[in-house]
Amino acid sequence: MGGRPPLKELTLKPVVDQSQRLAMLAANQAQVLTTAQAKLLGDAQKAGLPVLTEGKSGGFMTLFNTSRPPFDDPRARRAFALIMDPVARAKVVTDGTGKPLSTFLRPGSEFAAPEFAAPEATLPSNNRVEAQQLLDALAAEGKPLAFTYSTYNSPGSHLTAEYWLAQTAEMKNITMKTEFLEGTQYLQKVQIQRQFDAGEFVLSFDDPEPVLYNFLHSKGQDNHMQWKNPAVDQALDQARATTDTSTRRAAYAVVQRELAKDVPMFAYEQAFTAAIRAKDAKVANLTVFEDGLIMFDRLGPA
């Protein structure tokens, strides 16, 4: 688009509390909000608010610190994932709005190879028989699974943490504790110092490059899990070195299989981005891109 943006003035209001943000729309204290929270999206839809939403690759996940016990052992990581049922969590935590995640690249992504649908590419979850076998094996070696789960001190994060805690309480040879941190504390401990056992995270993207490289490569700046997988490193290097889509698909298929096998994180809810508009807001050309950014230069009065 050429010329000047249609808007004469734009006011941005950072509001952390999700319910407060929705209340501001209802009270005409704001015209548009963006979110990646399924519960807020569901509440907006129930309230009849206009919603623009796009599915993304990646999603909400629990990161495992693979550089130290207990999650340096892949059996511990797999056991946690197999205890949990993403479908059941979605019903409890998001009123069914959140979509359970089974592959890291979303279905329909141009970078998802056909073999993404194969069982060996499906992220593990919801097999408590195998989970208990793994926990018992660890305990027999003198390593019963005990860890602290770090997450944000927010209502949504509390709900998920409490759900995980309830599920682990039904199993033997596993002890889970929770800690709730304010935003800067969490960033410092988990993403900068990386002094954690398990922590909550969300990743949202369209094109895997450079997001997956940074997140999963052993030299990636955002590899908070400190995961080292030579097959993944090689595949990500290959994908980065070409613009050929078929070559990149094949490389990301390797990445997906290794994620399912080695379980450096437990990913459970598909990522999305949404822009929600107040009922009476006179806003035209509302467009979102990437992880929820609004194209402000296109916004204008309706």
C-alpha atoms as a PDB file:
ATOM      1  CA  MET A   1       0.000   0.000   0.000  1.00  0.00           C
ATOM      2  CA  GLY A   2       1.279   3.458  -0.791  1.00  0.00           C
ATOM      3  CA  GLY A   3       0.717   6.845   0.777  1.00  0.00           C
ATOM      4  CA  ARG A   4       0.059   7.631   4.389  1.00  0.00           C
ATOM      5  CA  PRO A   5      -1.495   5.118   6.825  1.00  0.00           C
ATOM      6  CA  PRO A   6      -5.283   5.678   7.212  1.00  0.00           C
ATOM      7  CA  LEU A   7      -5.039   6.104  11.004  1.00  0.00           C
ATOM      8  CA  LYS A   8      -4.194   9.488  12.448  1.00  0.00           C
ATOM      9  CA  GLU A   9      -3.524   8.159  15.946  1.00  0.00           C
ATOM     10  CA  LEU A  10      -2.793   4.780  17.505  1.00  0.00           C
ATOM     11  CA  THR A  11      -2.702   4.002  21.242  1.00  0.00           C
ATOM     12  CA  LEU A  12      -1.140   0.759  22.497  1.00  0.00           C
ATOM     13  CA  LYS A  13      -2.113  -0.480  25.968  1.00  0.00           C
ATOM     14  CA  PRO A  14      -0.139  -3.418  27.405  1.00  0.00           C
ATOM     15  CA  VAL A  15      -2.483  -5.354  29.717  1.00  0.00           C
ATOM     16  CA  VAL A  16      -1.251  -8.683  31.108  1.00  0.00           C
ATOM     17  CA  ASP A  17      -4.499  -9.961  32.605  1.00  0.00           C
ATOM     18  CA  GLN A  18      -6.477 -11.707  29.852  1.00  0.00           C
ATOM     19  CA  SER A  19      -9.938 -11.247  31.387  1.00  0.00           C
ATOM     20  CA  GLN A  20      -9.249  -7.549  31.947  1.00  0.00           C
ATOM     21  CA  ARG A  21      -8.360  -7.144  28.288  1.00  0.00           C
ATOM     22  CA  LEU A  22     -11.661  -8.660  27.214  1.00  0.00           C
ATOM     23  CA  ALA A  23     -13.537  -6.468  29.698  1.00  0.00           C
ATOM     24  CA  MET A  24     -11.911  -3.413  28.162  1.00  0.00           C
ATOM     25  CA  LEU A  25     -13.351  -4.353  24.768  1.00  0.00           C
ATOM     26  CA  ALA A  26     -16.802  -4.828  26.281  1.00  0.00           C
ATOM     27  CA  ALA A  27     -16.560  -1.399  27.930  1.00  0.00           C
ATOM     28  CA  ASN A  28     -15.302   0.277  24.729  1.00  0.00           C
ATOM     29  CA  GLN A  29     -12.049   1.155  26.483  1.00  0.00           C
ATOM     30  CA  ALA A  30     -10.218  -0.562  23.639  1.00  0.00           C
ATOM     31  CA  GLN A  31     -11.149  -1.420  20.071  1.00  0.00           C
ATOM     32  CA  VAL A  32      -8.879  -4.381  19.229  1.00  0.00           C
ATOM     33  CA  LEU A  33      -6.821  -6.913  21.157  1.00  0.00           C
ATOM     34  CA  THR A  34      -4.539  -9.732  20.068  1.00  0.00           C
ATOM     35  CA  THR A  35      -4.115 -13.018  21.890  1.00  0.00           C
ATOM     36  CA  ALA A  36      -2.698 -16.515  21.625  1.00  0.00           C
ATOM     37  CA  GLN A  37      -4.712 -17.759  24.622  1.00  0.00           C
ATOM     38  CA  ALA A  38      -7.407 -20.287  23.717  1.00  0.00           C
ATOM     39  CA  LYS A  39      -9.549 -19.535  26.778  1.00  0.00           C
ATOM     40  CA  LEU A  40      -9.750 -15.839  25.882  1.00  0.00           C
ATOM     41  CA  LEU A  41     -10.584 -16.711  22.271  1.00  0.00           C
ATOM     42  CA  GLY A  42     -13.402 -18.988  23.427  1.00  0.00           C
ATOM     43  CA  ASP A  43     -14.766 -16.329  25.783  1.00  0.00           C
ATOM     44  CA  ALA A  44     -14.720 -13.764  22.961  1.00  0.00           C
ATOM     45  CA  GLN A  45     -16.563 -16.109  20.629  1.00  0.00           C
ATOM     46  CA  LYS A  46     -19.195 -16.818  23.290  1.00  0.00           C
ATOM     47  CA  ALA A  47     -19.634 -13.061  23.750  1.00  0.00           C
ATOM     48  CA  GLY A  48     -20.267 -12.661  20.027  1.00  0.00           C
ATOM     49  CA  LEU A  49     -17.225 -10.483  19.389  1.00  0.00           C
ATOM     50  CA  PRO A  50     -15.765 -10.390  15.860  1.00  0.00           C
ATOM     51  CA  VAL A  51     -12.692 -12.643  15.766  1.00  0.00           C
ATOM     52  CA  LEU A  52      -9.930 -13.039  13.183  1.00  0.00           C
ATOM     53  CA  THR A  53      -7.805 -16.143  13.800  1.00  0.00           C
ATOM     54  CA  GLU A  54      -4.976 -18.021  12.071  1.00  0.00           C
ATOM     55  CA  GLY A  55      -3.460 -21.408  12.901  1.00  0.00           C
ATOM     56  CA  LYS A  56       0.304 -21.535  13.412  1.00  0.00           C
ATOM     57  CA  SER A  57       2.988 -24.165  13.738  1.00  0.00           C
ATOM     58  CA  GLY A  58       4.475 -24.787  17.147  1.00  0.00           C
ATOM     59  CA  GLY A  59       2.407 -24.437  20.265  1.00  0.00           C
ATOM     60  CA  PHE A  60       2.261 -24.434  24.041  1.00  0.00           C
ATOM     61  CA  MET A  61       4.725 -26.810  25.645  1.00  0.00           C
ATOM     62  CA  THR A  62       6.642 -27.876  28.710  1.00  0.00           C
ATOM     63  CA  LEU A  63      10.409 -27.555  28.213  1.00  0.00           C
ATOM     64  CA  PHE A  64      12.769 -30.066  29.800  1.00  0.00           C
ATOM     65  CA  ASN A  65      16.275 -29.059  30.829  1.00  0.00           C
ATOM     66  CA  THR A  66      18.151 -31.881  29.137  1.00  0.00           C
ATOM     67  CA  SER A  67      21.535 -30.773  30.532  1.00  0.00           C
ATOM     68  CA  ARG A  68      20.969 -31.973  34.091  1.00  0.00           C
ATOM     69  CA  PRO A  69      18.997 -34.533  36.135  1.00  0.00           C
ATOM     70  CA  PRO A  70      16.291 -35.610  36.103  1.00  0.00           C
ATOM     71  CA  PHE A  71      15.454 -34.697  32.502  1.00  0.00           C
ATOM     72  CA  ASP A  72      18.864 -35.496  31.062  1.00  0.00           C
ATOM     73  CA  ASP A  73      17.380 -39.006  30.937  1.00  0.00           C
ATOM     74  CA  PRO A  74      15.024 -39.321  27.927  1.00  0.00           C
ATOM     75  CA  ARG A  75      12.957 -41.878  29.842  1.00  0.00           C
ATOM     76  CA  ALA A  76      11.997 -39.191  32.367  1.00  0.00           C
ATOM     77  CA  ARG A  77      10.961 -36.807  29.597  1.00  0.00           C
ATOM     78  CA  ARG A  78       8.923 -39.463  27.826  1.00  0.00           C
ATOM     79  CA  ALA A  79       7.250 -40.552  31.068  1.00  0.00           C
ATOM     80  CA  PHE A  80       5.990 -37.016  31.749  1.00  0.00           C
ATOM     81  CA  ALA A  81       4.595 -36.715  28.227  1.00  0.00           C
ATOM     82  CA  LEU A  82       2.875 -40.093  28.377  1.00  0.00           C
ATOM     83  CA  ILE A  83       1.128 -39.260  31.654  1.00  0.00           C
ATOM     84  CA  MET A  84      -0.616 -36.293  30.073  1.00  0.00           C
ATOM     85  CA  ASP A  85      -3.663 -36.177  27.805  1.00  0.00           C
ATOM     86  CA  PRO A  86      -3.788 -32.943  25.746  1.00  0.00           C
ATOM     87  CA  VAL A  87      -7.444 -33.547  24.812  1.00  0.00           C
ATOM     88  CA  ALA A  88      -8.525 -33.827  28.450  1.00  0.00           C
ATOM     89  CA  ARG A  89      -6.449 -30.763  29.398  1.00  0.00           C
ATOM     90  CA  ALA A  90      -8.100 -28.679  26.673  1.00  0.00           C
ATOM     91  CA  LYS A  91     -11.529 -29.473  28.096  1.00  0.00           C
ATOM     92  CA  VAL A  92     -10.509 -28.512  31.626  1.00  0.00           C
ATOM     93  CA  VAL A  93      -8.236 -25.512  31.009  1.00  0.00           C
ATOM     94  CA  THR A  94      -9.601 -23.907  27.822  1.00  0.00           C
ATOM     95  CA  ASP A  95     -13.244 -25.075  27.849  1.00  0.00           C
ATOM     96  CA  GLY A  96     -12.423 -27.113  24.759  1.00  0.00           C
ATOM     97  CA  THR A  97     -11.274 -24.150  22.659  1.00  0.00           C
ATOM     98  CA  GLY A  98      -7.605 -25.153  22.558  1.00  0.00           C
ATOM     99  CA  LYS A  99      -6.669 -27.657  19.863  1.00  0.00           C
ATOM    100  CA  PRO A 100      -4.487 -30.565  21.011  1.00  0.00           C
ATOM    101  CA  LEU A 101      -1.146 -30.783  19.229  1.00  0.00           C
ATOM    102  CA  SER A 102       0.244 -34.010  17.764  1.00  0.00           C
ATOM    103  CA  THR A 103       2.870 -32.733  15.280  1.00  0.00           C
ATOM    104  CA  PHE A 104       5.072 -29.693  15.719  1.00  0.00           C
ATOM    105  CA  LEU A 105       4.425 -28.335  12.235  1.00  0.00           C
ATOM    106  CA  ARG A 106       0.719 -27.714  11.864  1.00  0.00           C
ATOM    107  CA  PRO A 107      -1.334 -29.896   9.526  1.00  0.00           C
ATOM    108  CA  GLY A 108      -1.519 -28.152   6.148  1.00  0.00           C
ATOM    109  CA  SER A 109       1.791 -26.324   6.523  1.00  0.00           C
ATOM    110  CA  GLU A 110       3.682 -26.185   3.234  1.00  0.00           C
ATOM    111  CA  PHE A 111       6.739 -27.391   5.171  1.00  0.00           C
ATOM    112  CA  ALA A 112       5.073 -30.512   6.583  1.00  0.00           C
ATOM    113  CA  ALA A 113       5.989 -33.625   4.595  1.00  0.00           C
ATOM    114  CA  PRO A 114       3.356 -36.377   4.102  1.00  0.00           C
ATOM    115  CA  GLU A 115       5.215 -38.644   6.535  1.00  0.00           C
ATOM    116  CA  PHE A 116       4.316 -36.218   9.334  1.00  0.00           C
ATOM    117  CA  ALA A 117       1.147 -38.283   9.689  1.00  0.00           C
ATOM    118  CA  ALA A 118       3.153 -41.462  10.395  1.00  0.00           C
ATOM    119  CA  PRO A 119       3.044 -42.868  13.959  1.00  0.00           C
ATOM    120  CA  GLU A 120       6.802 -42.353  14.453  1.00  0.00           C
ATOM    121  CA  ALA A 121       6.328 -38.614  13.846  1.00  0.00           C
ATOM    122  CA  THR A 122       3.487 -38.211  16.358  1.00  0.00           C
ATOM    123  CA  LEU A 123       4.483 -36.542  19.608  1.00  0.00           C
ATOM    124  CA  PRO A 124       4.018 -38.923  22.567  1.00  0.00           C
ATOM    125  CA  SER A 125       1.156 -38.487  25.037  1.00  0.00           C
ATOM    126  CA  ASN A 126      -1.602 -40.329  26.902  1.00  0.00           C
ATOM    127  CA  ASN A 127      -0.181 -43.796  27.610  1.00  0.00           C
ATOM    128  CA  ARG A 128      -0.062 -44.211  31.352  1.00  0.00           C
ATOM    129  CA  VAL A 129       0.824 -47.900  31.229  1.00  0.00           C
ATOM    130  CA  GLU A 130       4.099 -47.146  29.429  1.00  0.00           C
ATOM    131  CA  ALA A 131       4.613 -44.050  31.588  1.00  0.00           C
ATOM    132  CA  GLN A 132       4.414 -46.091  34.790  1.00  0.00           C
ATOM    133  CA  GLN A 133       6.807 -48.676  33.393  1.00  0.00           C
ATOM    134  CA  LEU A 134       9.341 -45.939  32.703  1.00  0.00           C
ATOM    135  CA  LEU A 135       8.868 -44.400  36.153  1.00  0.00           C
ATOM    136  CA  ASP A 136       9.278 -47.794  37.821  1.00  0.00           C
ATOM    137  CA  ALA A 137      12.463 -48.475  35.839  1.00  0.00           C
ATOM    138  CA  LEU A 138      13.927 -45.132  36.930  1.00  0.00           C
ATOM    139  CA  ALA A 139      12.989 -45.800  40.544  1.00  0.00           C
ATOM    140  CA  ALA A 140      14.572 -49.275  40.405  1.00  0.00           C
ATOM    141  CA  GLU A 141      17.840 -47.560  39.429  1.00  0.00           C
ATOM    142  CA  GLY A 142      17.553 -45.228  42.412  1.00  0.00           C
ATOM    143  CA  LYS A 143      16.296 -42.307  40.310  1.00  0.00           C
ATOM    144  CA  PRO A 144      12.599 -41.767  41.111  1.00  0.00           C
ATOM    145  CA  LEU A 145      11.427 -38.788  39.074  1.00  0.00           C
ATOM    146  CA  ALA A 146      11.324 -35.635  41.208  1.00  0.00           C
ATOM    147  CA  PHE A 147      11.343 -32.142  39.736  1.00  0.00           C
ATOM    148  CA  THR A 148      10.129 -28.563  39.964  1.00  0.00           C
ATOM    149  CA  TYR A 149       7.863 -27.138  37.289  1.00  0.00           C
ATOM    150  CA  SER A 150       8.478 -23.416  36.702  1.00  0.00           C
ATOM    151  CA  THR A 151       5.902 -21.197  35.064  1.00  0.00           C
ATOM    152  CA  TYR A 152       4.441 -17.705  34.995  1.00  0.00           C
ATOM    153  CA  ASN A 153       2.404 -16.310  37.861  1.00  0.00           C
ATOM    154  CA  SER A 154      -0.734 -15.833  35.767  1.00  0.00           C
ATOM    155  CA  PRO A 155      -4.245 -17.342  35.958  1.00  0.00           C
ATOM    156  CA  GLY A 156      -3.827 -19.414  32.780  1.00  0.00           C
ATOM    157  CA  SER A 157      -0.428 -20.743  33.829  1.00  0.00           C
ATOM    158  CA  HIS A 158      -1.802 -21.665  37.259  1.00  0.00           C
ATOM    159  CA  LEU A 159      -4.583 -23.680  35.636  1.00  0.00           C
ATOM    160  CA  THR A 160      -2.212 -25.693  33.466  1.00  0.00           C
ATOM    161  CA  ALA A 161       0.291 -26.275  36.278  1.00  0.00           C
ATOM    162  CA  GLU A 162      -2.446 -27.431  38.628  1.00  0.00           C
ATOM    163  CA  TYR A 163      -3.743 -29.786  35.948  1.00  0.00           C
ATOM    164  CA  TRP A 164      -0.296 -31.338  35.411  1.00  0.00           C
ATOM    165  CA  LEU A 165       0.121 -31.620  39.176  1.00  0.00           C
ATOM    166  CA  ALA A 166      -3.169 -33.487  39.524  1.00  0.00           C
ATOM    167  CA  GLN A 167      -2.163 -35.939  36.787  1.00  0.00           C
ATOM    168  CA  THR A 168       1.242 -36.742  38.285  1.00  0.00           C
ATOM    169  CA  ALA A 169      -0.387 -37.280  41.684  1.00  0.00           C
ATOM    170  CA  GLU A 170      -2.177 -40.302  40.222  1.00  0.00           C
ATOM    171  CA  MET A 171       1.132 -42.005  39.335  1.00  0.00           C
ATOM    172  CA  LYS A 172       3.816 -43.761  41.408  1.00  0.00           C
ATOM    173  CA  ASN A 173       7.500 -42.854  41.644  1.00  0.00           C
ATOM    174  CA  ILE A 174       7.042 -39.250  40.538  1.00  0.00           C
ATOM    175  CA  THR A 175       7.048 -36.055  42.606  1.00  0.00           C
ATOM    176  CA  MET A 176       6.245 -32.719  40.995  1.00  0.00           C
ATOM    177  CA  LYS A 177       6.507 -29.334  42.679  1.00  0.00           C
ATOM    178  CA  THR A 178       5.409 -26.014  41.187  1.00  0.00           C
ATOM    179  CA  GLU A 179       6.843 -22.517  41.325  1.00  0.00           C
ATOM    180  CA  PHE A 180       5.130 -19.440  39.923  1.00  0.00           C
ATOM    181  CA  LEU A 181       7.368 -16.577  38.852  1.00  0.00           C
ATOM    182  CA  GLU A 182       6.714 -13.039  37.705  1.00  0.00           C
ATOM    183  CA  GLY A 183       7.583 -12.333  34.073  1.00  0.00           C
ATOM    184  CA  THR A 184      11.132 -11.016  34.481  1.00  0.00           C
ATOM    185  CA  GLN A 185      11.949 -13.665  37.100  1.00  0.00           C
ATOM    186  CA  TYR A 186      10.794 -16.399  34.759  1.00  0.00           C
ATOM    187  CA  LEU A 187      12.745 -15.054  31.800  1.00  0.00           C
ATOM    188  CA  GLN A 188      15.880 -14.768  33.915  1.00  0.00           C
ATOM    189  CA  LYS A 189      15.675 -18.244  35.443  1.00  0.00           C
ATOM    190  CA  VAL A 190      14.432 -20.310  32.493  1.00  0.00           C
ATOM    191  CA  GLN A 191      15.446 -18.511  29.307  1.00  0.00           C
ATOM    192  CA  ILE A 192      18.635 -16.710  30.349  1.00  0.00           C
ATOM    193  CA  GLN A 193      20.273 -18.625  33.199  1.00  0.00           C
ATOM    194  CA  ARG A 194      18.564 -21.909  32.227  1.00  0.00           C
ATOM    195  CA  GLN A 195      18.523 -23.033  35.839  1.00  0.00           C
ATOM    196  CA  PHE A 196      15.309 -25.026  35.826  1.00  0.00           C
ATOM    197  CA  ASP A 197      13.989 -28.593  35.626  1.00  0.00           C
ATOM    198  CA  ALA A 198      10.840 -28.111  33.550  1.00  0.00           C
ATOM    199  CA  GLY A 199       9.288 -24.856  32.400  1.00  0.00           C
ATOM    200  CA  GLU A 200       6.359 -23.549  30.404  1.00  0.00           C
ATOM    201  CA  PHE A 201       6.924 -22.053  26.948  1.00  0.00           C
ATOM    202  CA  VAL A 202       5.123 -21.199  23.722  1.00  0.00           C
ATOM    203  CA  LEU A 203       6.496 -21.045  20.197  1.00  0.00           C
ATOM    204  CA  SER A 204       4.490 -19.804  17.222  1.00  0.00           C
ATOM    205  CA  PHE A 205       5.612 -19.529  13.599  1.00  0.00           C
ATOM    206  CA  ASP A 206       4.717 -19.894   9.927  1.00  0.00           C
ATOM    207  CA  ASP A 207       8.081 -20.465   8.230  1.00  0.00           C
ATOM    208  CA  PRO A 208      10.327 -22.731  10.355  1.00  0.00           C
ATOM    209  CA  GLU A 209      13.401 -20.644   9.512  1.00  0.00           C
ATOM    210  CA  PRO A 210      14.923 -19.153  11.619  1.00  0.00           C
ATOM    211  CA  VAL A 211      12.640 -20.102  14.536  1.00  0.00           C
ATOM    212  CA  LEU A 212      13.298 -23.848  14.617  1.00  0.00           C
ATOM    213  CA  TYR A 213      17.025 -23.421  14.068  1.00  0.00           C
ATOM    214  CA  ASN A 214      17.285 -21.038  17.003  1.00  0.00           C
ATOM    215  CA  PHE A 215      15.073 -23.230  19.193  1.00  0.00           C
ATOM    216  CA  LEU A 216      16.312 -26.753  18.438  1.00  0.00           C
ATOM    217  CA  HIS A 217      19.845 -26.558  17.032  1.00  0.00           C
ATOM    218  CA  SER A 218      22.553 -27.299  19.613  1.00  0.00           C
ATOM    219  CA  LYS A 219      24.025 -23.872  18.806  1.00  0.00           C
ATOM    220  CA  GLY A 220      20.642 -22.113  18.655  1.00  0.00           C
ATOM    221  CA  GLN A 221      20.350 -18.982  20.757  1.00  0.00           C
ATOM    222  CA  ASP A 222      16.879 -19.977  21.981  1.00  0.00           C
ATOM    223  CA  ASN A 223      17.681 -23.618  22.787  1.00  0.00           C
ATOM    224  CA  HIS A 224      16.643 -23.209  26.425  1.00  0.00           C
ATOM    225  CA  MET A 225      16.432 -27.001  26.786  1.00  0.00           C
ATOM    226  CA  GLN A 226      20.154 -27.256  25.904  1.00  0.00           C
ATOM    227  CA  TRP A 227      19.183 -30.199  23.709  1.00  0.00           C
ATOM    228  CA  LYS A 228      21.894 -31.736  21.547  1.00  0.00           C
ATOM    229  CA  ASN A 229      20.802 -34.042  18.733  1.00  0.00           C
ATOM    230  CA  PRO A 230      23.263 -34.494  15.832  1.00  0.00           C
ATOM    231  CA  ALA A 231      20.542 -35.643  13.403  1.00  0.00           C
ATOM    232  CA  VAL A 232      18.500 -32.523  14.140  1.00  0.00           C
ATOM    233  CA  ASP A 233      21.545 -30.264  13.806  1.00  0.00           C
ATOM    234  CA  GLN A 234      22.314 -31.748  10.390  1.00  0.00           C
ATOM    235  CA  ALA A 235      18.706 -31.459   9.205  1.00  0.00           C
ATOM    236  CA  LEU A 236      18.405 -27.852  10.355  1.00  0.00           C
ATOM    237  CA  ASP A 237      21.701 -26.977   8.673  1.00  0.00           C
ATOM    238  CA  GLN A 238      20.414 -28.516   5.433  1.00  0.00           C
ATOM    239  CA  ALA A 239      17.108 -26.664   5.645  1.00  0.00           C
ATOM    240  CA  ARG A 240      18.871 -23.369   6.308  1.00  0.00           C
ATOM    241  CA  ALA A 241      21.167 -23.798   3.301  1.00  0.00           C
ATOM    242  CA  THR A 242      18.425 -24.016   0.643  1.00  0.00           C
ATOM    243  CA  THR A 243      15.242 -22.368  -0.568  1.00  0.00           C
ATOM    244  CA  ASP A 244      13.982 -25.585  -2.181  1.00  0.00           C
ATOM    245  CA  THR A 245      10.722 -26.442  -0.423  1.00  0.00           C
ATOM    246  CA  SER A 246      10.926 -30.210  -1.007  1.00  0.00           C
ATOM    247  CA  THR A 247      14.424 -30.363   0.484  1.00  0.00           C
ATOM    248  CA  ARG A 248      13.285 -28.353   3.476  1.00  0.00           C
ATOM    249  CA  ARG A 249      10.242 -30.610   3.950  1.00  0.00           C
ATOM    250  CA  ALA A 250      12.478 -33.667   4.062  1.00  0.00           C
ATOM    251  CA  ALA A 251      14.774 -32.002   6.595  1.00  0.00           C
ATOM    252  CA  TYR A 252      11.917 -30.948   8.858  1.00  0.00           C
ATOM    253  CA  ALA A 253      10.499 -34.483   8.684  1.00  0.00           C
ATOM    254  CA  VAL A 254      13.750 -35.660  10.291  1.00  0.00           C
ATOM    255  CA  VAL A 255      13.358 -33.001  12.962  1.00  0.00           C
ATOM    256  CA  GLN A 256       9.785 -34.073  13.667  1.00  0.00           C
ATOM    257  CA  ARG A 257      10.745 -37.748  14.046  1.00  0.00           C
ATOM    258  CA  GLU A 258      13.567 -36.882  16.440  1.00  0.00           C
ATOM    259  CA  LEU A 259      11.264 -34.668  18.510  1.00  0.00           C
ATOM    260  CA  ALA A 260       8.852 -37.587  18.871  1.00  0.00           C
ATOM    261  CA  LYS A 261      11.639 -40.008  19.761  1.00  0.00           C
ATOM    262  CA  ASP A 262      13.820 -37.922  22.075  1.00  0.00           C
ATOM    263  CA  VAL A 263      11.113 -35.672  23.639  1.00  0.00           C
ATOM    264  CA  PRO A 264      13.108 -32.559  24.597  1.00  0.00           C
ATOM    265  CA  MET A 265       9.754 -30.914  25.303  1.00  0.00           C
ATOM    266  CA  PHE A 266       6.127 -31.933  25.799  1.00  0.00           C
ATOM    267  CA  ALA A 267       4.045 -29.957  23.283  1.00  0.00           C
ATOM    268  CA  TYR A 268       0.318 -30.167  23.924  1.00  0.00           C
ATOM    269  CA  GLU A 269      -1.685 -27.303  22.371  1.00  0.00           C
ATOM    270  CA  GLN A 270      -1.544 -25.944  18.828  1.00  0.00           C
ATOM    271  CA  ALA A 271      -0.389 -22.387  18.393  1.00  0.00           C
ATOM    272  CA  PHE A 272      -2.631 -19.769  16.840  1.00  0.00           C
ATOM    273  CA  THR A 273      -2.972 -16.033  16.732  1.00  0.00           C
ATOM    274  CA  ALA A 274      -6.182 -14.054  16.993  1.00  0.00           C
ATOM    275  CA  ALA A 275      -7.295 -10.451  16.753  1.00  0.00           C
ATOM    276  CA  ILE A 276     -10.536  -9.680  18.578  1.00  0.00           C
ATOM    277  CA  ARG A 277     -12.553  -6.551  17.832  1.00  0.00           C
ATOM    278  CA  ALA A 278     -15.061  -4.764  20.029  1.00  0.00           C
ATOM    279  CA  LYS A 279     -18.633  -5.090  18.729  1.00  0.00           C
ATOM    280  CA  ASP A 280     -19.070  -1.413  17.970  1.00  0.00           C
ATOM    281  CA  ALA A 281     -15.488  -0.659  16.909  1.00  0.00           C
ATOM    282  CA  LYS A 282     -15.303   1.076  13.534  1.00  0.00           C
ATOM    283  CA  VAL A 283     -12.155  -0.682  12.346  1.00  0.00           C
ATOM    284  CA  ALA A 284     -11.476  -1.828   8.799  1.00  0.00           C
ATOM    285  CA  ASN A 285      -8.683  -3.875   7.197  1.00  0.00           C
ATOM    286  CA  LEU A 286      -7.700  -5.695  10.391  1.00  0.00           C
ATOM    287  CA  THR A 287      -4.886  -8.045   9.331  1.00  0.00           C
ATOM    288  CA  VAL A 288      -2.509 -10.153  11.428  1.00  0.00           C
ATOM    289  CA  PHE A 289       0.731 -11.835  10.439  1.00  0.00           C
ATOM    290  CA  GLU A 290       3.488 -14.004  11.956  1.00  0.00           C
ATOM    291  CA  ASP A 291       2.799 -14.559  15.683  1.00  0.00           C
ATOM    292  CA  GLY A 292      -0.031 -12.038  16.016  1.00  0.00           C
ATOM    293  CA  LEU A 293       1.374  -8.720  14.902  1.00  0.00           C
ATOM    294  CA  ILE A 294      -1.157  -6.352  13.411  1.00  0.00           C
ATOM    295  CA  MET A 295      -0.426  -4.580  10.145  1.00  0.00           C
ATOM    296  CA  PHE A 296      -1.068  -1.159  11.605  1.00  0.00           C
ATOM    297  CA  ASP A 297      -0.423   0.631   8.315  1.00  0.00           C
ATOM    298  CA  ARG A 298      -3.571  -1.014   6.885  1.00  0.00           C
ATOM    299  CA  LEU A 299      -5.913  -0.225   9.767  1.00  0.00           C
ATOM    300  CA  GLY A 300      -8.458   2.452   9.174  1.00  0.00           C
ATOM    301  CA  PRO A 301     -11.930   3.616  10.119  1.00  0.00           C
ATOM    302  CA  ALA A 302     -14.808   1.491   8.811  1.00  0.00           C
END
